[in-house]
Amino acid sequence: QTHVFIGPPGSGKTTALCKWLTLAVLTEGRSAGVWRLDSNIANTAEFLTMHCEMLDTAVERLWSAPGEGVDLAFVDLPGLDPGDPQGLASMRAQLAEMPAPRIHLVLNAAYETDALLAQWRAFAPLNPNDLIFTHLDEEPRRMKLWNLVLGANCAISFLSAGQKIPGDFRTAIPELIYPTQNHP
């Protein structure tokens, strides 16, 4: 499966990718390939290339289908301003070149619900399969994320907090979003 990370600039796409990649390679012993692609703007995430070198994982700058022996393929695209129709069209064309990509829309959970919904609407034409919320260490009101899920009708797959790698990167389960309540 090819996992593609899309979202606005600064949402934490590359950090989320690095966290997932690290867990897959070091904890699960899986082989991975990484593509750091440009879109209508350059992908300047040089940190991703250095991180892949530390994990002895190949990183490519031009798209080609993953070869044999690659369990996971990760594609990092540069952040896209949700108000950039030319950028969205370019990214849509780029995604169409990939065979059945799993598109993860990465959003900053610390943003207000209205802003998150606006970002969802902007990226919805790219048909994201799910959501990854980042910056949870900056947002104590996790219940608000359900507003986005219900408004967008899109599942949350992963939750991420902090910049440490692998750090806090977890599969989304209700207990991580619902507040803990102790009843007598």
C-alpha atoms as a PDB file:
ATOM      1  CA  GLN A   1       0.000   0.000   0.000  1.00  0.00           C
ATOM      2  CA  THR A   2       1.210   3.467  -0.876  1.00  0.00           C
ATOM      3  CA  HIS A   3       0.509   5.935   1.937  1.00  0.00           C
ATOM      4  CA  VAL A   4       0.391   9.578   0.821  1.00  0.00           C
ATOM      5  CA  PHE A   5       0.479  12.426   3.338  1.00  0.00           C
ATOM      6  CA  ILE A   6      -1.312  15.628   2.303  1.00  0.00           C
ATOM      7  CA  GLY A   7      -2.375  18.739   4.169  1.00  0.00           C
ATOM      8  CA  PRO A   8      -1.671  22.399   4.759  1.00  0.00           C
ATOM      9  CA  PRO A   9       1.832  23.686   5.518  1.00  0.00           C
ATOM     10  CA  GLY A  10       2.912  23.113   9.108  1.00  0.00           C
ATOM     11  CA  SER A  11       0.284  20.499   9.883  1.00  0.00           C
ATOM     12  CA  GLY A  12       2.894  17.870  10.775  1.00  0.00           C
ATOM     13  CA  LYS A  13       2.805  15.655   7.679  1.00  0.00           C
ATOM     14  CA  THR A  14       6.513  14.905   7.546  1.00  0.00           C
ATOM     15  CA  THR A  15       6.816  14.371  11.300  1.00  0.00           C
ATOM     16  CA  ALA A  16       3.843  11.964  11.259  1.00  0.00           C
ATOM     17  CA  LEU A  17       5.417  10.096   8.347  1.00  0.00           C
ATOM     18  CA  CYS A  18       8.750   9.851  10.199  1.00  0.00           C
ATOM     19  CA  LYS A  19       7.036   8.557  13.334  1.00  0.00           C
ATOM     20  CA  TRP A  20       5.118   5.861  11.441  1.00  0.00           C
ATOM     21  CA  LEU A  21       8.200   4.945   9.395  1.00  0.00           C
ATOM     22  CA  THR A  22      10.338   4.589  12.520  1.00  0.00           C
ATOM     23  CA  LEU A  23       7.808   2.354  14.249  1.00  0.00           C
ATOM     24  CA  ALA A  24       7.405   0.193  11.135  1.00  0.00           C
ATOM     25  CA  VAL A  25      11.141  -0.236  10.531  1.00  0.00           C
ATOM     26  CA  LEU A  26      12.513  -0.480  14.066  1.00  0.00           C
ATOM     27  CA  THR A  27       9.631  -2.042  15.997  1.00  0.00           C
ATOM     28  CA  GLU A  28       7.923  -4.171  13.364  1.00  0.00           C
ATOM     29  CA  GLY A  29      10.992  -4.972  11.242  1.00  0.00           C
ATOM     30  CA  ARG A  30       9.203  -4.001   8.029  1.00  0.00           C
ATOM     31  CA  SER A  31      10.892  -2.755   4.889  1.00  0.00           C
ATOM     32  CA  ALA A  32       9.821   0.622   3.590  1.00  0.00           C
ATOM     33  CA  GLY A  33      10.394   3.014   0.748  1.00  0.00           C
ATOM     34  CA  VAL A  34       9.957   6.766   0.951  1.00  0.00           C
ATOM     35  CA  TRP A  35       9.248   9.261  -1.809  1.00  0.00           C
ATOM     36  CA  ARG A  36       9.842  12.940  -1.037  1.00  0.00           C
ATOM     37  CA  LEU A  37       8.095  14.514  -3.984  1.00  0.00           C
ATOM     38  CA  ASP A  38       7.670  18.048  -5.205  1.00  0.00           C
ATOM     39  CA  SER A  39       4.275  19.225  -6.387  1.00  0.00           C
ATOM     40  CA  ASN A  40       3.728  22.656  -7.909  1.00  0.00           C
ATOM     41  CA  ILE A  41       6.158  23.789  -5.186  1.00  0.00           C
ATOM     42  CA  ALA A  42       9.366  22.217  -3.910  1.00  0.00           C
ATOM     43  CA  ASN A  43       9.347  19.760  -1.033  1.00  0.00           C
ATOM     44  CA  THR A  44      11.989  21.225   1.258  1.00  0.00           C
ATOM     45  CA  ALA A  45      11.702  18.561   3.983  1.00  0.00           C
ATOM     46  CA  GLU A  46      15.416  17.726   4.011  1.00  0.00           C
ATOM     47  CA  PHE A  47      14.898  16.322   7.520  1.00  0.00           C
ATOM     48  CA  LEU A  48      13.006  13.418   5.948  1.00  0.00           C
ATOM     49  CA  THR A  49      15.988  12.474   3.786  1.00  0.00           C
ATOM     50  CA  MET A  50      18.334  12.570   6.793  1.00  0.00           C
ATOM     51  CA  HIS A  51      15.890  10.512   8.858  1.00  0.00           C
ATOM     52  CA  CYS A  52      15.644   7.874   6.128  1.00  0.00           C
ATOM     53  CA  GLU A  53      19.434   7.676   5.978  1.00  0.00           C
ATOM     54  CA  MET A  54      19.534   6.969   9.730  1.00  0.00           C
ATOM     55  CA  LEU A  55      17.002   4.152   9.258  1.00  0.00           C
ATOM     56  CA  ASP A  56      18.814   2.817   6.163  1.00  0.00           C
ATOM     57  CA  THR A  57      15.643   3.368   4.162  1.00  0.00           C
ATOM     58  CA  ALA A  58      15.714   4.454   0.544  1.00  0.00           C
ATOM     59  CA  VAL A  59      14.262   7.866  -0.243  1.00  0.00           C
ATOM     60  CA  GLU A  60      13.451   8.834  -3.812  1.00  0.00           C
ATOM     61  CA  ARG A  61      12.832  12.282  -5.272  1.00  0.00           C
ATOM     62  CA  LEU A  62      10.935  11.097  -8.385  1.00  0.00           C
ATOM     63  CA  TRP A  63       7.867   8.872  -8.334  1.00  0.00           C
ATOM     64  CA  SER A  64       8.203   5.268  -9.422  1.00  0.00           C
ATOM     65  CA  ALA A  65       6.103   2.344  -8.240  1.00  0.00           C
ATOM     66  CA  PRO A  66       7.505   0.572  -5.159  1.00  0.00           C
ATOM     67  CA  GLY A  67       9.696  -2.397  -6.014  1.00  0.00           C
ATOM     68  CA  GLU A  68       9.649  -5.930  -4.693  1.00  0.00           C
ATOM     69  CA  GLY A  69      10.419  -6.296  -1.012  1.00  0.00           C
ATOM     70  CA  VAL A  70       8.886  -2.972   0.024  1.00  0.00           C
ATOM     71  CA  ASP A  71       6.222  -3.621   2.673  1.00  0.00           C
ATOM     72  CA  LEU A  72       5.231   0.019   3.077  1.00  0.00           C
ATOM     73  CA  ALA A  73       5.538   2.946   0.697  1.00  0.00           C
ATOM     74  CA  PHE A  74       5.327   6.462   2.125  1.00  0.00           C
ATOM     75  CA  VAL A  75       4.915   9.574  -0.016  1.00  0.00           C
ATOM     76  CA  ASP A  76       5.590  13.021   1.448  1.00  0.00           C
ATOM     77  CA  LEU A  77       4.130  15.927  -0.489  1.00  0.00           C
ATOM     78  CA  PRO A  78       4.756  19.569   0.368  1.00  0.00           C
ATOM     79  CA  GLY A  79       2.169  21.467   2.358  1.00  0.00           C
ATOM     80  CA  LEU A  80      -0.511  22.969   0.186  1.00  0.00           C
ATOM     81  CA  ASP A  81      -2.373  26.181   0.890  1.00  0.00           C
ATOM     82  CA  PRO A  82      -6.039  25.130   0.966  1.00  0.00           C
ATOM     83  CA  GLY A  83      -6.933  28.242  -1.029  1.00  0.00           C
ATOM     84  CA  ASP A  84      -4.642  27.366  -3.965  1.00  0.00           C
ATOM     85  CA  PRO A  85      -6.811  25.890  -6.773  1.00  0.00           C
ATOM     86  CA  GLN A  86      -3.798  25.460  -9.094  1.00  0.00           C
ATOM     87  CA  GLY A  87      -1.936  23.582  -6.374  1.00  0.00           C
ATOM     88  CA  LEU A  88      -4.940  21.335  -5.691  1.00  0.00           C
ATOM     89  CA  ALA A  89      -5.280  20.559  -9.410  1.00  0.00           C
ATOM     90  CA  SER A  90      -1.576  19.752  -9.647  1.00  0.00           C
ATOM     91  CA  MET A  91      -1.754  17.489  -6.588  1.00  0.00           C
ATOM     92  CA  ARG A  92      -4.867  15.730  -7.937  1.00  0.00           C
ATOM     93  CA  ALA A  93      -2.999  14.950 -11.175  1.00  0.00           C
ATOM     94  CA  GLN A  94       0.004  13.720  -9.204  1.00  0.00           C
ATOM     95  CA  LEU A  95      -2.153  11.420  -7.065  1.00  0.00           C
ATOM     96  CA  ALA A  96      -3.813  10.005 -10.202  1.00  0.00           C
ATOM     97  CA  GLU A  97      -0.401   8.668 -11.309  1.00  0.00           C
ATOM     98  CA  MET A  98      -0.156   6.449  -8.217  1.00  0.00           C
ATOM     99  CA  PRO A  99      -1.851   3.036  -8.174  1.00  0.00           C
ATOM    100  CA  ALA A 100      -4.552   3.049  -5.454  1.00  0.00           C
ATOM    101  CA  PRO A 101      -2.864   5.394  -2.961  1.00  0.00           C
ATOM    102  CA  ARG A 102      -4.142   5.580   0.599  1.00  0.00           C
ATOM    103  CA  ILE A 103      -4.414   9.323   1.137  1.00  0.00           C
ATOM    104  CA  HIS A 104      -4.018  10.597   4.691  1.00  0.00           C
ATOM    105  CA  LEU A 105      -5.127  14.179   5.325  1.00  0.00           C
ATOM    106  CA  VAL A 106      -2.950  15.490   8.153  1.00  0.00           C
ATOM    107  CA  LEU A 107      -4.441  18.304  10.220  1.00  0.00           C
ATOM    108  CA  ASN A 108      -3.286  20.257  13.256  1.00  0.00           C
ATOM    109  CA  ALA A 109      -5.684  19.370  16.111  1.00  0.00           C
ATOM    110  CA  ALA A 110      -4.905  22.652  17.894  1.00  0.00           C
ATOM    111  CA  TYR A 111      -6.820  24.601  15.233  1.00  0.00           C
ATOM    112  CA  GLU A 112     -10.415  25.581  15.923  1.00  0.00           C
ATOM    113  CA  THR A 113     -13.165  23.376  14.500  1.00  0.00           C
ATOM    114  CA  ASP A 114     -14.232  25.962  11.890  1.00  0.00           C
ATOM    115  CA  ALA A 115     -10.685  26.151  10.517  1.00  0.00           C
ATOM    116  CA  LEU A 116     -10.379  22.347  10.471  1.00  0.00           C
ATOM    117  CA  LEU A 117     -13.687  22.015   8.602  1.00  0.00           C
ATOM    118  CA  ALA A 118     -12.566  24.616   6.067  1.00  0.00           C
ATOM    119  CA  GLN A 119      -9.342  22.681   5.505  1.00  0.00           C
ATOM    120  CA  TRP A 120     -11.315  19.448   5.120  1.00  0.00           C
ATOM    121  CA  ARG A 121     -13.575  21.043   2.509  1.00  0.00           C
ATOM    122  CA  ALA A 122     -10.557  22.339   0.579  1.00  0.00           C
ATOM    123  CA  PHE A 123      -8.831  18.935   0.505  1.00  0.00           C
ATOM    124  CA  ALA A 124     -11.994  16.809   0.067  1.00  0.00           C
ATOM    125  CA  PRO A 125     -11.711  16.815  -3.774  1.00  0.00           C
ATOM    126  CA  LEU A 126      -8.474  14.827  -3.339  1.00  0.00           C
ATOM    127  CA  ASN A 127     -10.540  12.044  -1.725  1.00  0.00           C
ATOM    128  CA  PRO A 128      -8.635  11.488   1.514  1.00  0.00           C
ATOM    129  CA  ASN A 129      -9.208   8.035   2.989  1.00  0.00           C
ATOM    130  CA  ASP A 130      -8.772   9.187   6.555  1.00  0.00           C
ATOM    131  CA  LEU A 131      -7.458  11.817   8.935  1.00  0.00           C
ATOM    132  CA  ILE A 132      -4.303  12.015  11.006  1.00  0.00           C
ATOM    133  CA  PHE A 133      -4.432  14.589  13.784  1.00  0.00           C
ATOM    134  CA  THR A 134      -1.163  16.055  15.028  1.00  0.00           C
ATOM    135  CA  HIS A 135      -0.202  18.560  17.726  1.00  0.00           C
ATOM    136  CA  LEU A 136      -2.407  16.817  20.313  1.00  0.00           C
ATOM    137  CA  ASP A 137       0.061  17.948  22.976  1.00  0.00           C
ATOM    138  CA  GLU A 138      -1.157  21.490  22.223  1.00  0.00           C
ATOM    139  CA  GLU A 139      -4.897  20.698  22.389  1.00  0.00           C
ATOM    140  CA  PRO A 140      -6.631  19.627  25.601  1.00  0.00           C
ATOM    141  CA  ARG A 141     -10.121  19.659  23.981  1.00  0.00           C
ATOM    142  CA  ARG A 142      -9.956  16.412  22.023  1.00  0.00           C
ATOM    143  CA  MET A 143     -13.734  15.988  21.946  1.00  0.00           C
ATOM    144  CA  LYS A 144     -13.890  18.736  19.310  1.00  0.00           C
ATOM    145  CA  LEU A 145     -12.282  16.316  16.856  1.00  0.00           C
ATOM    146  CA  TRP A 146     -15.549  14.392  16.705  1.00  0.00           C
ATOM    147  CA  ASN A 147     -17.202  17.509  15.255  1.00  0.00           C
ATOM    148  CA  LEU A 148     -14.845  17.266  12.313  1.00  0.00           C
ATOM    149  CA  VAL A 149     -15.313  13.518  11.927  1.00  0.00           C
ATOM    150  CA  LEU A 150     -19.097  13.885  11.921  1.00  0.00           C
ATOM    151  CA  GLY A 151     -19.019  16.958   9.676  1.00  0.00           C
ATOM    152  CA  ALA A 152     -16.610  15.410   7.191  1.00  0.00           C
ATOM    153  CA  ASN A 153     -17.796  11.814   7.469  1.00  0.00           C
ATOM    154  CA  CYS A 154     -14.177  10.672   7.487  1.00  0.00           C
ATOM    155  CA  ALA A 155     -12.471   8.403  10.023  1.00  0.00           C
ATOM    156  CA  ILE A 156      -9.518   9.318  12.197  1.00  0.00           C
ATOM    157  CA  SER A 157      -6.732   6.751  11.741  1.00  0.00           C
ATOM    158  CA  PHE A 158      -3.849   8.110  13.800  1.00  0.00           C
ATOM    159  CA  LEU A 159      -3.162  10.617  16.557  1.00  0.00           C
ATOM    160  CA  SER A 160       0.204  12.261  17.080  1.00  0.00           C
ATOM    161  CA  ALA A 161       1.645  14.530  19.744  1.00  0.00           C
ATOM    162  CA  GLY A 162       4.993  16.245  20.048  1.00  0.00           C
ATOM    163  CA  GLN A 163       7.970  16.347  17.724  1.00  0.00           C
ATOM    164  CA  LYS A 164       9.943  13.458  19.207  1.00  0.00           C
ATOM    165  CA  ILE A 165      10.336  10.515  16.884  1.00  0.00           C
ATOM    166  CA  PRO A 166       8.825   7.997  17.215  1.00  0.00           C
ATOM    167  CA  GLY A 167       7.273   9.754  20.199  1.00  0.00           C
ATOM    168  CA  ASP A 168       3.539   9.705  20.578  1.00  0.00           C
ATOM    169  CA  PHE A 169       2.027   8.220  17.407  1.00  0.00           C
ATOM    170  CA  ARG A 170      -0.929   5.951  17.986  1.00  0.00           C
ATOM    171  CA  THR A 171      -3.750   4.289  16.171  1.00  0.00           C
ATOM    172  CA  ALA A 172      -6.855   6.333  16.917  1.00  0.00           C
ATOM    173  CA  ILE A 173      -9.159   4.642  19.395  1.00  0.00           C
ATOM    174  CA  PRO A 174     -12.087   6.249  21.242  1.00  0.00           C
ATOM    175  CA  GLU A 175     -10.288   6.170  24.609  1.00  0.00           C
ATOM    176  CA  LEU A 176      -7.657   8.571  23.229  1.00  0.00           C
ATOM    177  CA  ILE A 177     -10.298  11.111  22.232  1.00  0.00           C
ATOM    178  CA  TYR A 178     -13.070  10.795  24.802  1.00  0.00           C
ATOM    179  CA  PRO A 179     -12.279  12.428  28.138  1.00  0.00           C
ATOM    180  CA  THR A 180     -11.764  10.038  31.000  1.00  0.00           C
ATOM    181  CA  GLN A 181     -14.599  10.253  33.483  1.00  0.00           C
ATOM    182  CA  ASN A 182     -14.648   8.549  36.832  1.00  0.00           C
ATOM    183  CA  HIS A 183     -18.149   7.869  38.050  1.00  0.00           C
ATOM    184  CA  PRO A 184     -18.810   6.968  41.710  1.00  0.00           C
END
